[in-house]
């Protein structure tokens, strides 16, 4: 695959419907596909991206019988917002509101990439009875302890991101995030479209998402996926520690993939994800 499929290309194989709902000063857009009685899965994209980052995943999930919902997080893509602050706890509430508007049955599975992984974790932490399983791609645990140096780095990054010209920042982020040329092209385009203000607002919130909780364990089945060449912060080592902590977790490193492993190596990520969800997600009678 040279680049994420366009929405039209994805829709040529599945019937995907666009919707929107008003939530706390934002018009949030979301897309649903798959059989109405299939087990549900909600997909949440990474910071600066939009729902299209899962174009390669939707056909595979629908073909496997799942009901999918993907959405543009507040400040991203089509989801404009009149509010001025981003936090993962607020985004988890947004996701709950979108699921309610879509009439998605719970419990359901969650899949998140990077920031979307943190939002999905927050949703699971606040609503454990509404989640069957968790799939995370290229994201740190929100609840593992961090060193003083790591915390200082997060604080410093808020200033550094504001100092770098946004056009240069988008190019460097795209190159750092993806190995595939088409995935880089998509990231450059979507970063530019979302704009500097939205990205910095989101980044500020993401640097405040860590909430170390020494006694916390995720008791749901987890599939943790990291690209072999993911050099974003301490993600790989953090995901390894995360997998060691939780009793029902499996960790996979995807060869030849970067931070956006689902775009760099979609076939392998889809194979792992579908097999995991089929094993861990109960079918409705």
Foldseek 3Di string as FASTA:
>chain_A
DQAQDDPVVLCVQWPKDKDWDDDDQKIKIKIKTADPQFFEEEEEEAFLAAQSLCSLQVNLQRVLGYIYMYIGFELFDPIDGPDQADALLVSLVVVVVVCVVVVHDFQHAYEYAASGLLSVLNNCVVCVRRYQEYEYAQYFDQAADDDPVVLVVLVVVLVVLVPDDQLVVQLVCLVLAWDRNNHSVNSSVSSVVSDDSSNSNHSVNVSVSRDHDPVDERAHAYEYEYEPRAPPPCRVVRVVVNQVRHDRYDYDYHYPTYSSNCTRPVVVVSVVVSVVCVVRPDRDD
